[in-house]
């Protein structure tokens, strides 16, 4: 349950509900993972639009997107805590358009 809360914090109940309905229409025989629902929400609200110098989430396969949300981005968040890895973490998070906590901005 905590992985669902962590992955979907910041999204409204309406966004989560709509994404769940959309997912179940497209994948009726498979239960979603938190990353699946997050992908649907981000694609729906347009935050996955390509920007210069940014990763284009719309070009990722389902498996690649799942890996990004479940492994890469959480690892980059953890790397912020290690000074020797912080620069790489900031670049990774920025590339994918993720919010960088205020205390780490300008440290890349």
PDB file of N, CA and C in Angstrom:
ATOM      1  N   UNK A   1       0.817  -1.189   0.000  1.00  0.00           N
ATOM      2  CA  UNK A   1       0.000   0.000   0.000  1.00  0.00           C
ATOM      3  C   UNK A   1       0.865   1.259   0.000  1.00  0.00           C
ATOM      4  N   UNK A   2       1.978   1.246   0.727  1.00  0.00           N
ATOM      5  CA  UNK A   2       2.832   2.427   0.797  1.00  0.00           C
ATOM      6  C   UNK A   2       3.426   2.778  -0.569  1.00  0.00           C
ATOM      7  N   UNK A   3       3.709   1.762  -1.409  1.00  0.00           N
ATOM      8  CA  UNK A   3       4.245   2.071  -2.733  1.00  0.00           C
ATOM      9  C   UNK A   3       3.214   2.808  -3.579  1.00  0.00           C
ATOM     10  N   UNK A   4       1.936   2.487  -3.405  1.00  0.00           N
ATOM     11  CA  UNK A   4       0.862   3.198  -4.110  1.00  0.00           C
ATOM     12  C   UNK A   4       0.803   4.647  -3.624  1.00  0.00           C
ATOM     13  N   UNK A   5       0.863   4.833  -2.339  1.00  0.00           N
ATOM     14  CA  UNK A   5       0.782   6.179  -1.770  1.00  0.00           C
ATOM     15  C   UNK A   5       1.962   7.022  -2.241  1.00  0.00           C
ATOM     16  N   UNK A   6       3.152   6.444  -2.193  1.00  0.00           N
ATOM     17  CA  UNK A   6       4.352   7.169  -2.597  1.00  0.00           C
ATOM     18  C   UNK A   6       4.315   7.518  -4.083  1.00  0.00           C
ATOM     19  N   UNK A   7       3.927   6.569  -4.923  1.00  0.00           N
ATOM     20  CA  UNK A   7       3.930   6.785  -6.372  1.00  0.00           C
ATOM     21  C   UNK A   7       2.862   7.777  -6.821  1.00  0.00           C
ATOM     22  N   UNK A   8       1.736   7.825  -6.091  1.00  0.00           N
ATOM     23  CA  UNK A   8       0.615   8.640  -6.542  1.00  0.00           C
ATOM     24  C   UNK A   8       0.375   9.892  -5.706  1.00  0.00           C
ATOM     25  N   UNK A   9       1.255  10.151  -4.741  1.00  0.00           N
ATOM     26  CA  UNK A   9       1.089  11.377  -3.950  1.00  0.00           C
ATOM     27  C   UNK A   9       1.246  12.573  -4.881  1.00  0.00           C
ATOM     28  N   UNK A  10       0.450  13.567  -4.672  1.00  0.00           N
ATOM     29  CA  UNK A  10       0.491  14.741  -5.529  1.00  0.00           C
ATOM     30  C   UNK A  10      -0.552  14.734  -6.632  1.00  0.00           C
ATOM     31  N   UNK A  11      -1.234  13.607  -6.808  1.00  0.00           N
ATOM     32  CA  UNK A  11      -2.293  13.532  -7.801  1.00  0.00           C
ATOM     33  C   UNK A  11      -3.638  13.536  -7.086  1.00  0.00           C
ATOM     34  N   UNK A  12      -4.644  14.096  -7.744  1.00  0.00           N
ATOM     35  CA  UNK A  12      -5.968  14.154  -7.126  1.00  0.00           C
ATOM     36  C   UNK A  12      -6.674  12.803  -7.206  1.00  0.00           C
ATOM     37  N   UNK A  13      -7.672  12.646  -6.376  1.00  0.00           N
ATOM     38  CA  UNK A  13      -8.473  11.426  -6.385  1.00  0.00           C
ATOM     39  C   UNK A  13      -9.133  11.240  -7.751  1.00  0.00           C
ATOM     40  N   UNK A  14      -9.560  12.341  -8.363  1.00  0.00           N
ATOM     41  CA  UNK A  14     -10.189  12.277  -9.680  1.00  0.00           C
ATOM     42  C   UNK A  14      -9.198  11.787 -10.736  1.00  0.00           C
ATOM     43  N   UNK A  15      -7.969  12.294 -10.689  1.00  0.00           N
ATOM     44  CA  UNK A  15      -6.947  11.868 -11.641  1.00  0.00           C
ATOM     45  C   UNK A  15      -6.653  10.376 -11.485  1.00  0.00           C
ATOM     46  N   UNK A  16      -6.518   9.928 -10.248  1.00  0.00           N
ATOM     47  CA  UNK A  16      -6.213   8.526  -9.982  1.00  0.00           C
ATOM     48  C   UNK A  16      -7.370   7.642 -10.440  1.00  0.00           C
ATOM     49  N   UNK A  17      -8.598   8.046 -10.119  1.00  0.00           N
ATOM     50  CA  UNK A  17      -9.766   7.267 -10.524  1.00  0.00           C
ATOM     51  C   UNK A  17      -9.896   7.156 -12.032  1.00  0.00           C
ATOM     52  N   UNK A  18      -9.703   8.276 -12.733  1.00  0.00           N
ATOM     53  CA  UNK A  18      -9.793   8.271 -14.193  1.00  0.00           C
ATOM     54  C   UNK A  18      -8.699   7.399 -14.806  1.00  0.00           C
ATOM     55  N   UNK A  19      -7.500   7.480 -14.259  1.00  0.00           N
ATOM     56  CA  UNK A  19      -6.392   6.667 -14.773  1.00  0.00           C
ATOM     57  C   UNK A  19      -6.648   5.182 -14.539  1.00  0.00           C
ATOM     58  N   UNK A  20      -7.216   4.833 -13.385  1.00  0.00           N
ATOM     59  CA  UNK A  20      -7.548   3.430 -13.107  1.00  0.00           C
ATOM     60  C   UNK A  20      -8.584   2.918 -14.101  1.00  0.00           C
ATOM     61  N   UNK A  21      -9.615   3.716 -14.354  1.00  0.00           N
ATOM     62  CA  UNK A  21     -10.649   3.313 -15.322  1.00  0.00           C
ATOM     63  C   UNK A  21     -10.049   3.137 -16.718  1.00  0.00           C
ATOM     64  N   UNK A  22      -9.214   4.085 -17.134  1.00  0.00           N
ATOM     65  CA  UNK A  22      -8.575   4.005 -18.447  1.00  0.00           C
ATOM     66  C   UNK A  22      -7.684   2.766 -18.537  1.00  0.00           C
ATOM     67  N   UNK A  23      -6.919   2.509 -17.496  1.00  0.00           N
ATOM     68  CA  UNK A  23      -6.029   1.342 -17.491  1.00  0.00           C
ATOM     69  C   UNK A  23      -6.837   0.055 -17.619  1.00  0.00           C
ATOM     70  N   UNK A  24      -7.889  -0.064 -16.827  1.00  0.00           N
ATOM     71  CA  UNK A  24      -8.694  -1.293 -16.840  1.00  0.00           C
ATOM     72  C   UNK A  24      -9.414  -1.500 -18.165  1.00  0.00           C
ATOM     73  N   UNK A  25      -9.742  -0.419 -18.860  1.00  0.00           N
ATOM     74  CA  UNK A  25     -10.334  -0.568 -20.197  1.00  0.00           C
ATOM     75  C   UNK A  25      -9.307  -1.121 -21.181  1.00  0.00           C
ATOM     76  N   UNK A  26      -8.052  -0.709 -21.040  1.00  0.00           N
ATOM     77  CA  UNK A  26      -7.001  -1.137 -21.956  1.00  0.00           C
ATOM     78  C   UNK A  26      -6.369  -2.464 -21.558  1.00  0.00           C
ATOM     79  N   UNK A  27      -6.366  -2.764 -20.285  1.00  0.00           N
ATOM     80  CA  UNK A  27      -5.726  -3.978 -19.759  1.00  0.00           C
ATOM     81  C   UNK A  27      -6.679  -4.711 -18.821  1.00  0.00           C
ATOM     82  N   UNK A  28      -7.805  -5.228 -19.316  1.00  0.00           N
ATOM     83  CA  UNK A  28      -8.819  -5.802 -18.425  1.00  0.00           C
ATOM     84  C   UNK A  28      -8.383  -7.070 -17.682  1.00  0.00           C
ATOM     85  N   UNK A  29      -7.351  -7.751 -18.156  1.00  0.00           N
ATOM     86  CA  UNK A  29      -6.931  -9.006 -17.529  1.00  0.00           C
ATOM     87  C   UNK A  29      -5.703  -8.857 -16.649  1.00  0.00           C
ATOM     88  N   UNK A  30      -5.230  -7.629 -16.464  1.00  0.00           N
ATOM     89  CA  UNK A  30      -3.991  -7.411 -15.718  1.00  0.00           C
ATOM     90  C   UNK A  30      -4.199  -6.319 -14.668  1.00  0.00           C
ATOM     91  N   UNK A  31      -3.776  -6.599 -13.455  1.00  0.00           N
ATOM     92  CA  UNK A  31      -3.857  -5.589 -12.394  1.00  0.00           C
ATOM     93  C   UNK A  31      -2.758  -4.560 -12.583  1.00  0.00           C
ATOM     94  N   UNK A  32      -3.080  -3.294 -12.335  1.00  0.00           N
ATOM     95  CA  UNK A  32      -2.051  -2.253 -12.515  1.00  0.00           C
ATOM     96  C   UNK A  32      -1.078  -2.193 -11.348  1.00  0.00           C
ATOM     97  N   UNK A  33       0.111  -1.728 -11.654  1.00  0.00           N
ATOM     98  CA  UNK A  33       1.099  -1.387 -10.633  1.00  0.00           C
ATOM     99  C   UNK A  33       0.989   0.123 -10.423  1.00  0.00           C
ATOM    100  N   UNK A  34       1.504   0.649  -9.335  1.00  0.00           N
ATOM    101  CA  UNK A  34       1.454   2.098  -9.116  1.00  0.00           C
ATOM    102  C   UNK A  34       2.036   2.887 -10.295  1.00  0.00           C
ATOM    103  N   UNK A  35       3.105   2.384 -10.874  1.00  0.00           N
ATOM    104  CA  UNK A  35       3.730   3.079 -12.005  1.00  0.00           C
ATOM    105  C   UNK A  35       2.801   3.134 -13.211  1.00  0.00           C
ATOM    106  N   UNK A  36       1.990   2.095 -13.412  1.00  0.00           N
ATOM    107  CA  UNK A  36       1.048   2.091 -14.524  1.00  0.00           C
ATOM    108  C   UNK A  36       0.069   3.254 -14.412  1.00  0.00           C
ATOM    109  N   UNK A  37      -0.464   3.463 -13.225  1.00  0.00           N
ATOM    110  CA  UNK A  37      -1.436   4.524 -13.005  1.00  0.00           C
ATOM    111  C   UNK A  37      -0.762   5.890 -13.129  1.00  0.00           C
ATOM    112  N   UNK A  38       0.438   6.004 -12.595  1.00  0.00           N
ATOM    113  CA  UNK A  38       1.192   7.270 -12.701  1.00  0.00           C
ATOM    114  C   UNK A  38       1.437   7.626 -14.165  1.00  0.00           C
ATOM    115  N   UNK A  39       1.783   6.656 -14.980  1.00  0.00           N
ATOM    116  CA  UNK A  39       2.021   6.878 -16.407  1.00  0.00           C
ATOM    117  C   UNK A  39       0.762   7.419 -17.067  1.00  0.00           C
ATOM    118  N   UNK A  40      -0.373   6.792 -16.802  1.00  0.00           N
ATOM    119  CA  UNK A  40      -1.628   7.244 -17.397  1.00  0.00           C
ATOM    120  C   UNK A  40      -1.940   8.682 -16.989  1.00  0.00           C
ATOM    121  N   UNK A  41      -1.733   9.021 -15.730  1.00  0.00           N
ATOM    122  CA  UNK A  41      -2.015  10.381 -15.267  1.00  0.00           C
ATOM    123  C   UNK A  41      -1.102  11.383 -15.971  1.00  0.00           C
ATOM    124  N   UNK A  42       0.182  11.102 -16.009  1.00  0.00           N
ATOM    125  CA  UNK A  42       1.126  12.033 -16.622  1.00  0.00           C
ATOM    126  C   UNK A  42       0.861  12.194 -18.114  1.00  0.00           C
ATOM    127  N   UNK A  43       0.512  11.117 -18.790  1.00  0.00           N
ATOM    128  CA  UNK A  43       0.208  11.213 -20.216  1.00  0.00           C
ATOM    129  C   UNK A  43      -1.062  12.020 -20.442  1.00  0.00           C
ATOM    130  N   UNK A  44      -2.029  11.866 -19.568  1.00  0.00           N
ATOM    131  CA  UNK A  44      -3.300  12.576 -19.698  1.00  0.00           C
ATOM    132  C   UNK A  44      -3.136  14.067 -19.460  1.00  0.00           C
ATOM    133  N   UNK A  45      -2.360  14.441 -18.455  1.00  0.00           N
ATOM    134  CA  UNK A  45      -2.245  15.869 -18.155  1.00  0.00           C
ATOM    135  C   UNK A  45      -1.170  16.571 -18.961  1.00  0.00           C
ATOM    136  N   UNK A  46      -0.472  15.820 -19.820  1.00  0.00           N
ATOM    137  CA  UNK A  46       0.447  16.454 -20.756  1.00  0.00           C
ATOM    138  C   UNK A  46       1.829  16.748 -20.236  1.00  0.00           C
ATOM    139  N   UNK A  47       2.205  16.245 -19.059  1.00  0.00           N
ATOM    140  CA  UNK A  47       3.545  16.534 -18.554  1.00  0.00           C
ATOM    141  C   UNK A  47       4.598  15.699 -19.260  1.00  0.00           C
ATOM    142  N   UNK A  48       4.155  14.767 -20.098  1.00  0.00           N
ATOM    143  CA  UNK A  48       5.129  13.938 -20.800  1.00  0.00           C
ATOM    144  C   UNK A  48       5.516  14.529 -22.147  1.00  0.00           C
ATOM    145  N   UNK A  49       5.067  15.776 -22.424  1.00  0.00           N
ATOM    146  CA  UNK A  49       5.428  16.402 -23.685  1.00  0.00           C
ATOM    147  C   UNK A  49       6.939  16.600 -23.752  1.00  0.00           C
ATOM    148  N   UNK A  50       7.466  16.395 -24.940  1.00  0.00           N
ATOM    149  CA  UNK A  50       8.909  16.537 -25.116  1.00  0.00           C
ATOM    150  C   UNK A  50       9.326  17.992 -25.011  1.00  0.00           C
ATOM    151  N   UNK A  51      10.400  18.243 -24.283  1.00  0.00           N
ATOM    152  CA  UNK A  51      10.974  19.568 -24.163  1.00  0.00           C
ATOM    153  C   UNK A  51      12.435  19.442 -24.570  1.00  0.00           C
ATOM    154  N   UNK A  52      12.991  20.530 -25.069  1.00  0.00           N
ATOM    155  CA  UNK A  52      14.391  20.505 -25.480  1.00  0.00           C
ATOM    156  C   UNK A  52      15.262  20.063 -24.314  1.00  0.00           C
ATOM    157  N   UNK A  53      16.098  19.068 -24.532  1.00  0.00           N
ATOM    158  CA  UNK A  53      16.991  18.589 -23.493  1.00  0.00           C
ATOM    159  C   UNK A  53      16.320  17.778 -22.404  1.00  0.00           C
ATOM    160  N   UNK A  54      15.128  17.344 -22.658  1.00  0.00           N
ATOM    161  CA  UNK A  54      14.377  16.571 -21.663  1.00  0.00           C
ATOM    162  C   UNK A  54      14.026  15.205 -22.234  1.00  0.00           C
ATOM    163  N   UNK A  55      13.838  14.259 -21.344  1.00  0.00           N
ATOM    164  CA  UNK A  55      13.404  12.933 -21.755  1.00  0.00           C
ATOM    165  C   UNK A  55      11.958  12.971 -22.230  1.00  0.00           C
ATOM    166  N   UNK A  56      11.655  12.228 -23.256  1.00  0.00           N
ATOM    167  CA  UNK A  56      10.294  12.162 -23.793  1.00  0.00           C
ATOM    168  C   UNK A  56       9.661  10.861 -23.337  1.00  0.00           C
ATOM    169  N   UNK A  57       8.859  10.939 -22.302  1.00  0.00           N
ATOM    170  CA  UNK A  57       8.234   9.749 -21.725  1.00  0.00           C
ATOM    171  C   UNK A  57       7.272   9.078 -22.690  1.00  0.00           C
ATOM    172  N   UNK A  58       6.746   9.833 -23.636  1.00  0.00           N
ATOM    173  CA  UNK A  58       5.789   9.255 -24.577  1.00  0.00           C
ATOM    174  C   UNK A  58       6.456   8.271 -25.527  1.00  0.00           C
ATOM    175  N   UNK A  59       7.760   8.358 -25.665  1.00  0.00           N
ATOM    176  CA  UNK A  59       8.476   7.447 -26.562  1.00  0.00           C
ATOM    177  C   UNK A  59       8.934   6.169 -25.863  1.00  0.00           C
ATOM    178  N   UNK A  60       8.731   6.088 -24.554  1.00  0.00           N
ATOM    179  CA  UNK A  60       9.123   4.898 -23.807  1.00  0.00           C
ATOM    180  C   UNK A  60       8.101   3.785 -24.009  1.00  0.00           C
ATOM    181  N   UNK A  61       8.582   2.568 -24.068  1.00  0.00           N
ATOM    182  CA  UNK A  61       7.655   1.437 -24.073  1.00  0.00           C
ATOM    183  C   UNK A  61       7.044   1.331 -22.675  1.00  0.00           C
ATOM    184  N   UNK A  62       6.017   0.540 -22.557  1.00  0.00           N
ATOM    185  CA  UNK A  62       5.390   0.354 -21.248  1.00  0.00           C
ATOM    186  C   UNK A  62       6.415  -0.144 -20.227  1.00  0.00           C
ATOM    187  N   UNK A  63       7.219  -1.115 -20.612  1.00  0.00           N
ATOM    188  CA  UNK A  63       8.222  -1.670 -19.693  1.00  0.00           C
ATOM    189  C   UNK A  63       9.291  -0.641 -19.333  1.00  0.00           C
ATOM    190  N   UNK A  64       9.697   0.177 -20.301  1.00  0.00           N
ATOM    191  CA  UNK A  64      10.685   1.216 -20.022  1.00  0.00           C
ATOM    192  C   UNK A  64      10.124   2.265 -19.061  1.00  0.00           C
ATOM    193  N   UNK A  65       8.876   2.643 -19.282  1.00  0.00           N
ATOM    194  CA  UNK A  65       8.246   3.637 -18.399  1.00  0.00           C
ATOM    195  C   UNK A  65       8.104   3.081 -16.987  1.00  0.00           C
ATOM    196  N   UNK A  66       7.728   1.831 -16.894  1.00  0.00           N
ATOM    197  CA  UNK A  66       7.591   1.204 -15.586  1.00  0.00           C
ATOM    198  C   UNK A  66       8.941   1.195 -14.861  1.00  0.00           C
ATOM    199  N   UNK A  67       9.996   0.869 -15.574  1.00  0.00           N
ATOM    200  CA  UNK A  67      11.346   0.878 -15.002  1.00  0.00           C
ATOM    201  C   UNK A  67      11.731   2.290 -14.563  1.00  0.00           C
ATOM    202  N   UNK A  68      11.402   3.283 -15.383  1.00  0.00           N
ATOM    203  CA  UNK A  68      11.703   4.666 -15.030  1.00  0.00           C
ATOM    204  C   UNK A  68      11.034   5.050 -13.718  1.00  0.00           C
ATOM    205  N   UNK A  69       9.728   4.758 -13.582  1.00  0.00           N
ATOM    206  CA  UNK A  69       8.971   5.169 -12.397  1.00  0.00           C
ATOM    207  C   UNK A  69       9.248   4.324 -11.158  1.00  0.00           C
ATOM    208  N   UNK A  70       9.545   3.068 -11.353  1.00  0.00           N
ATOM    209  CA  UNK A  70       9.738   2.189 -10.190  1.00  0.00           C
ATOM    210  C   UNK A  70      11.187   2.071  -9.748  1.00  0.00           C
ATOM    211  N   UNK A  71      12.141   2.325 -10.644  1.00  0.00           N
ATOM    212  CA  UNK A  71      13.548   2.136 -10.281  1.00  0.00           C
ATOM    213  C   UNK A  71      14.401   3.400 -10.449  1.00  0.00           C
ATOM    214  N   UNK A  72      14.389   3.958 -11.667  1.00  0.00           N
ATOM    215  CA  UNK A  72      15.317   5.046 -11.984  1.00  0.00           C
ATOM    216  C   UNK A  72      15.036   6.299 -11.153  1.00  0.00           C
ATOM    217  N   UNK A  73      13.799   6.791 -11.189  1.00  0.00           N
ATOM    218  CA  UNK A  73      13.488   8.027 -10.463  1.00  0.00           C
ATOM    219  C   UNK A  73      13.615   7.872  -8.950  1.00  0.00           C
ATOM    220  N   UNK A  74      13.135   6.766  -8.360  1.00  0.00           N
ATOM    221  CA  UNK A  74      13.360   6.597  -6.917  1.00  0.00           C
ATOM    222  C   UNK A  74      14.854   6.518  -6.559  1.00  0.00           C
ATOM    223  N   UNK A  75      15.642   5.861  -7.422  1.00  0.00           N
ATOM    224  CA  UNK A  75      17.085   5.775  -7.160  1.00  0.00           C
ATOM    225  C   UNK A  75      17.718   7.161  -7.224  1.00  0.00           C
ATOM    226  N   UNK A  76      17.297   7.977  -8.182  1.00  0.00           N
ATOM    227  CA  UNK A  76      17.839   9.333  -8.288  1.00  0.00           C
ATOM    228  C   UNK A  76      17.468  10.157  -7.057  1.00  0.00           C
ATOM    229  N   UNK A  77      16.265   9.988  -6.550  1.00  0.00           N
ATOM    230  CA  UNK A  77      15.870  10.698  -5.326  1.00  0.00           C
ATOM    231  C   UNK A  77      16.760  10.293  -4.153  1.00  0.00           C
ATOM    232  N   UNK A  78      17.056   9.001  -4.037  1.00  0.00           N
ATOM    233  CA  UNK A  78      17.932   8.529  -2.950  1.00  0.00           C
ATOM    234  C   UNK A  78      19.359   9.043  -3.132  1.00  0.00           C
ATOM    235  N   UNK A  79      19.796   9.134  -4.389  1.00  0.00           N
ATOM    236  CA  UNK A  79      21.161   9.587  -4.672  1.00  0.00           C
ATOM    237  C   UNK A  79      21.383  11.042  -4.260  1.00  0.00           C
ATOM    238  N   UNK A  80      20.322  11.810  -4.151  1.00  0.00           N
ATOM    239  CA  UNK A  80      20.452  13.199  -3.704  1.00  0.00           C
ATOM    240  C   UNK A  80      21.093  13.289  -2.318  1.00  0.00           C
ATOM    241  N   UNK A  81      20.914  12.260  -1.524  1.00  0.00           N
ATOM    242  CA  UNK A  81      21.425  12.251  -0.152  1.00  0.00           C
ATOM    243  C   UNK A  81      22.923  11.991  -0.065  1.00  0.00           C
ATOM    244  N   UNK A  82      23.517  11.515  -1.168  1.00  0.00           N
ATOM    245  CA  UNK A  82      24.944  11.198  -1.189  1.00  0.00           C
ATOM    246  C   UNK A  82      25.676  12.278  -1.977  1.00  0.00           C
ATOM    247  N   UNK A  83      26.494  13.087  -1.306  1.00  0.00           N
ATOM    248  CA  UNK A  83      27.147  14.211  -1.991  1.00  0.00           C
ATOM    249  C   UNK A  83      27.881  13.832  -3.281  1.00  0.00           C
ATOM    250  N   UNK A  84      28.562  12.698  -3.293  1.00  0.00           N
ATOM    251  CA  UNK A  84      29.316  12.322  -4.490  1.00  0.00           C
ATOM    252  C   UNK A  84      28.413  11.913  -5.660  1.00  0.00           C
ATOM    253  N   UNK A  85      27.147  11.600  -5.390  1.00  0.00           N
ATOM    254  CA  UNK A  85      26.209  11.191  -6.439  1.00  0.00           C
ATOM    255  C   UNK A  85      25.173  12.272  -6.755  1.00  0.00           C
ATOM    256  N   UNK A  86      25.181  13.334  -5.984  1.00  0.00           N
ATOM    257  CA  UNK A  86      24.138  14.364  -6.087  1.00  0.00           C
ATOM    258  C   UNK A  86      24.058  15.005  -7.470  1.00  0.00           C
ATOM    259  N   UNK A  87      25.199  15.325  -8.058  1.00  0.00           N
ATOM    260  CA  UNK A  87      25.180  15.973  -9.371  1.00  0.00           C
ATOM    261  C   UNK A  87      24.486  15.095 -10.410  1.00  0.00           C
ATOM    262  N   UNK A  88      24.803  13.813 -10.404  1.00  0.00           N
ATOM    263  CA  UNK A  88      24.174  12.882 -11.345  1.00  0.00           C
ATOM    264  C   UNK A  88      22.672  12.772 -11.069  1.00  0.00           C
ATOM    265  N   UNK A  89      22.308  12.736  -9.809  1.00  0.00           N
ATOM    266  CA  UNK A  89      20.894  12.649  -9.434  1.00  0.00           C
ATOM    267  C   UNK A  89      20.124  13.863  -9.935  1.00  0.00           C
ATOM    268  N   UNK A  90      20.672  15.036  -9.747  1.00  0.00           N
ATOM    269  CA  UNK A  90      20.013  16.269 -10.184  1.00  0.00           C
ATOM    270  C   UNK A  90      19.853  16.276 -11.700  1.00  0.00           C
ATOM    271  N   UNK A  91      20.873  15.878 -12.415  1.00  0.00           N
ATOM    272  CA  UNK A  91      20.793  15.835 -13.883  1.00  0.00           C
ATOM    273  C   UNK A  91      19.743  14.828 -14.345  1.00  0.00           C
ATOM    274  N   UNK A  92      19.686  13.685 -13.687  1.00  0.00           N
ATOM    275  CA  UNK A  92      18.697  12.663 -14.053  1.00  0.00           C
ATOM    276  C   UNK A  92      17.287  13.160 -13.802  1.00  0.00           C
ATOM    277  N   UNK A  93      17.058  13.713 -12.624  1.00  0.00           N
ATOM    278  CA  UNK A  93      15.728  14.210 -12.281  1.00  0.00           C
ATOM    279  C   UNK A  93      15.320  15.359 -13.205  1.00  0.00           C
ATOM    280  N   UNK A  94      16.239  16.256 -13.481  1.00  0.00           N
ATOM    281  CA  UNK A  94      15.948  17.375 -14.370  1.00  0.00           C
ATOM    282  C   UNK A  94      15.634  16.882 -15.783  1.00  0.00           C
ATOM    283  N   UNK A  95      16.397  15.929 -16.272  1.00  0.00           N
ATOM    284  CA  UNK A  95      16.183  15.381 -17.614  1.00  0.00           C
ATOM    285  C   UNK A  95      14.764  14.836 -17.775  1.00  0.00           C
ATOM    286  N   UNK A  96      14.272  14.188 -16.733  1.00  0.00           N
ATOM    287  CA  UNK A  96      12.937  13.594 -16.801  1.00  0.00           C
ATOM    288  C   UNK A  96      11.851  14.546 -16.307  1.00  0.00           C
ATOM    289  N   UNK A  97      12.212  15.804 -16.048  1.00  0.00           N
ATOM    290  CA  UNK A  97      11.222  16.805 -15.676  1.00  0.00           C
ATOM    291  C   UNK A  97      10.668  16.650 -14.278  1.00  0.00           C
ATOM    292  N   UNK A  98      11.415  15.992 -13.406  1.00  0.00           N
ATOM    293  CA  UNK A  98      10.983  15.794 -12.032  1.00  0.00           C
ATOM    294  C   UNK A  98      11.355  17.003 -11.187  1.00  0.00           C
ATOM    295  N   UNK A  99      10.622  17.209 -10.138  1.00  0.00           N
ATOM    296  CA  UNK A  99      10.892  18.308  -9.216  1.00  0.00           C
ATOM    297  C   UNK A  99      12.136  17.996  -8.386  1.00  0.00           C
ATOM    298  N   UNK A 100      13.027  18.947  -8.334  1.00  0.00           N
ATOM    299  CA  UNK A 100      14.233  18.799  -7.519  1.00  0.00           C
ATOM    300  C   UNK A 100      13.985  19.569  -6.227  1.00  0.00           C
ATOM    301  N   UNK A 101      14.127  18.905  -5.075  1.00  0.00           N
ATOM    302  CA  UNK A 101      13.894  19.602  -3.805  1.00  0.00           C
ATOM    303  C   UNK A 101      14.721  20.873  -3.697  1.00  0.00           C
ATOM    304  N   UNK A 102      14.119  21.882  -3.106  1.00  0.00           N
ATOM    305  CA  UNK A 102      14.716  23.217  -3.005  1.00  0.00           C
ATOM    306  C   UNK A 102      16.154  23.205  -2.482  1.00  0.00           C
ATOM    307  N   UNK A 103      16.426  22.390  -1.458  1.00  0.00           N
ATOM    308  CA  UNK A 103      17.764  22.420  -0.841  1.00  0.00           C
ATOM    309  C   UNK A 103      18.860  21.904  -1.780  1.00  0.00           C
ATOM    310  N   UNK A 104      18.485  21.243  -2.907  1.00  0.00           N
ATOM    311  CA  UNK A 104      19.488  20.718  -3.820  1.00  0.00           C
ATOM    312  C   UNK A 104      19.589  21.503  -5.120  1.00  0.00           C
ATOM    313  N   UNK A 105      18.719  22.465  -5.325  1.00  0.00           N
ATOM    314  CA  UNK A 105      18.747  23.245  -6.561  1.00  0.00           C
ATOM    315  C   UNK A 105      20.020  24.058  -6.626  1.00  0.00           C
ATOM    316  N   UNK A 106      20.589  24.133  -7.826  1.00  0.00           N
ATOM    317  CA  UNK A 106      21.810  24.900  -8.024  1.00  0.00           C
ATOM    318  C   UNK A 106      23.075  24.172  -7.603  1.00  0.00           C
ATOM    319  N   UNK A 107      22.962  22.890  -7.247  1.00  0.00           N
ATOM    320  CA  UNK A 107      24.140  22.150  -6.810  1.00  0.00           C
ATOM    321  C   UNK A 107      24.707  21.235  -7.889  1.00  0.00           C
ATOM    322  N   UNK A 108      24.107  21.237  -9.067  1.00  0.00           N
ATOM    323  CA  UNK A 108      24.598  20.355 -10.149  1.00  0.00           C
ATOM    324  C   UNK A 108      25.839  20.933 -10.783  1.00  0.00           C
TER     325      UNK A 108
END
